């Protein structure tokens, strides 16, 4: 495309600016999308995990905790596996210190 006049150049600039704005909006949408899957261990995750552990350590069964509706069955098993791994690590570190 060959631009020969100032008016053509200004029209082309407006067209390109509009295209850039659209691309920026699309980029922002892609940057903020939710990919799903497991979440990182952020504050909300830790709060839910700690709530689960308090209930579990107080004697509630896994199915009783799930029945309350705060966590899914899969998440409860995931929390339990994480809890047991932490317990195992803590026990292993006690053995090494002795």
Protein backbone atom coordinates (compact mmCIF):
# COMPACT_ATOMS: atom_id res chain seq x y z
CA UNK A 1 0.00 0.00 0.00
CA UNK A 2 1.52 3.25 -1.09
CA UNK A 3 0.50 6.43 0.73
CA UNK A 4 0.81 9.58 -1.34
CA UNK A 5 -1.15 12.24 0.55
CA UNK A 6 -1.39 13.49 4.09
CA UNK A 7 -5.07 12.51 4.30
CA UNK A 8 -4.24 8.93 3.32
CA UNK A 9 -1.50 8.86 5.96
CA UNK A 10 -3.87 10.15 8.68
CA UNK A 11 -6.53 7.58 7.71
CA UNK A 12 -3.93 4.83 7.85
CA UNK A 13 -2.73 6.03 11.27
CA UNK A 14 -6.31 5.99 12.64
CA UNK A 15 -6.84 2.50 11.25
CA UNK A 16 -3.61 1.25 12.85
CA UNK A 17 -4.43 2.90 16.19
CA UNK A 18 -7.82 1.17 16.19
CA UNK A 19 -6.14 -2.16 15.41
CA UNK A 20 -3.63 -1.65 18.23
CA UNK A 21 -6.45 -0.87 20.69
CA UNK A 22 -8.29 -4.06 19.67
CA UNK A 23 -5.13 -6.13 20.06
CA UNK A 24 -4.44 -4.64 23.50
CA UNK A 25 -7.98 -5.52 24.60
CA UNK A 26 -7.58 -9.06 23.30
CA UNK A 27 -4.20 -9.37 25.01
CA UNK A 28 -5.69 -8.23 28.33
CA UNK A 29 -8.53 -10.73 27.97
CA UNK A 30 -6.09 -13.56 27.33
CA UNK A 31 -3.86 -12.49 30.19
CA UNK A 32 -6.74 -12.50 32.69
CA UNK A 33 -8.46 -15.72 31.65
CA UNK A 34 -8.89 -18.57 34.07
CA UNK A 35 -7.08 -21.69 32.99
CA UNK A 36 -8.88 -23.83 35.56
CA UNK A 37 -7.21 -26.77 37.17
CA UNK A 38 -5.62 -26.78 40.58
CA UNK A 39 -4.91 -23.49 42.23
CA UNK A 40 -1.64 -22.40 43.73
CA UNK A 41 -1.26 -22.54 47.47
CA UNK A 42 -2.36 -18.97 48.02
CA UNK A 43 -4.09 -17.49 51.07
CA UNK A 44 -7.53 -18.79 50.07
CA UNK A 45 -6.15 -22.30 49.52
CA UNK A 46 -4.36 -22.24 52.87
CA UNK A 47 -7.50 -21.04 54.66
CA UNK A 48 -9.58 -23.87 53.18
CA UNK A 49 -6.83 -26.40 53.92
CA UNK A 50 -6.43 -25.23 57.52
CA UNK A 51 -10.21 -25.40 58.03
CA UNK A 52 -10.18 -28.96 56.68
CA UNK A 53 -7.30 -29.96 58.96
CA UNK A 54 -8.98 -28.52 62.04
CA UNK A 55 -12.07 -30.59 61.32
CA UNK A 56 -10.04 -33.70 60.48
CA UNK A 57 -7.90 -33.46 63.62
CA UNK A 58 -11.00 -32.89 65.77
CA UNK A 59 -12.16 -36.37 64.79
CA UNK A 60 -14.48 -35.78 61.85
CA UNK A 61 -14.30 -38.36 59.10
CA UNK A 62 -13.48 -37.41 55.55
CA UNK A 63 -17.06 -38.04 54.42
CA UNK A 64 -18.47 -35.89 57.25
CA UNK A 65 -16.27 -33.00 56.13
CA UNK A 66 -17.32 -33.48 52.51
CA UNK A 67 -20.99 -33.67 53.55
CA UNK A 68 -20.72 -30.16 55.00
CA UNK A 69 -20.19 -28.99 51.44
CA UNK A 70 -17.11 -26.81 51.91
CA UNK A 71 -14.83 -29.04 49.84
CA UNK A 72 -15.36 -31.72 47.21
CA UNK A 73 -14.45 -35.32 47.87
CA UNK A 74 -11.48 -35.11 45.51
CA UNK A 75 -10.22 -31.95 47.22
CA UNK A 76 -10.62 -33.59 50.63
CA UNK A 77 -8.49 -36.53 49.53
CA UNK A 78 -5.94 -34.13 48.06
CA UNK A 79 -5.80 -32.17 51.34
CA UNK A 80 -5.43 -35.42 53.28
CA UNK A 81 -2.56 -36.57 51.07
CA UNK A 82 -0.86 -33.19 51.50
CA UNK A 83 -1.38 -33.39 55.29
CA UNK A 84 0.07 -36.90 55.47
CA UNK A 85 3.06 -35.85 53.37
CA UNK A 86 3.73 -32.96 55.76
CA UNK A 87 3.41 -35.33 58.73
CA UNK A 88 5.83 -37.78 57.12
CA UNK A 89 8.33 -34.99 56.42
CA UNK A 90 8.04 -33.76 60.00
CA UNK A 91 8.58 -37.31 61.36
CA UNK A 92 11.58 -37.82 59.06
CA UNK A 93 13.18 -34.59 60.25
CA UNK A 94 12.74 -35.67 63.90
CA UNK A 95 14.55 -38.94 63.19
CA UNK A 96 17.45 -37.10 61.53
CA UNK A 97 17.86 -34.70 64.47
CA UNK A 98 18.23 -37.48 67.07
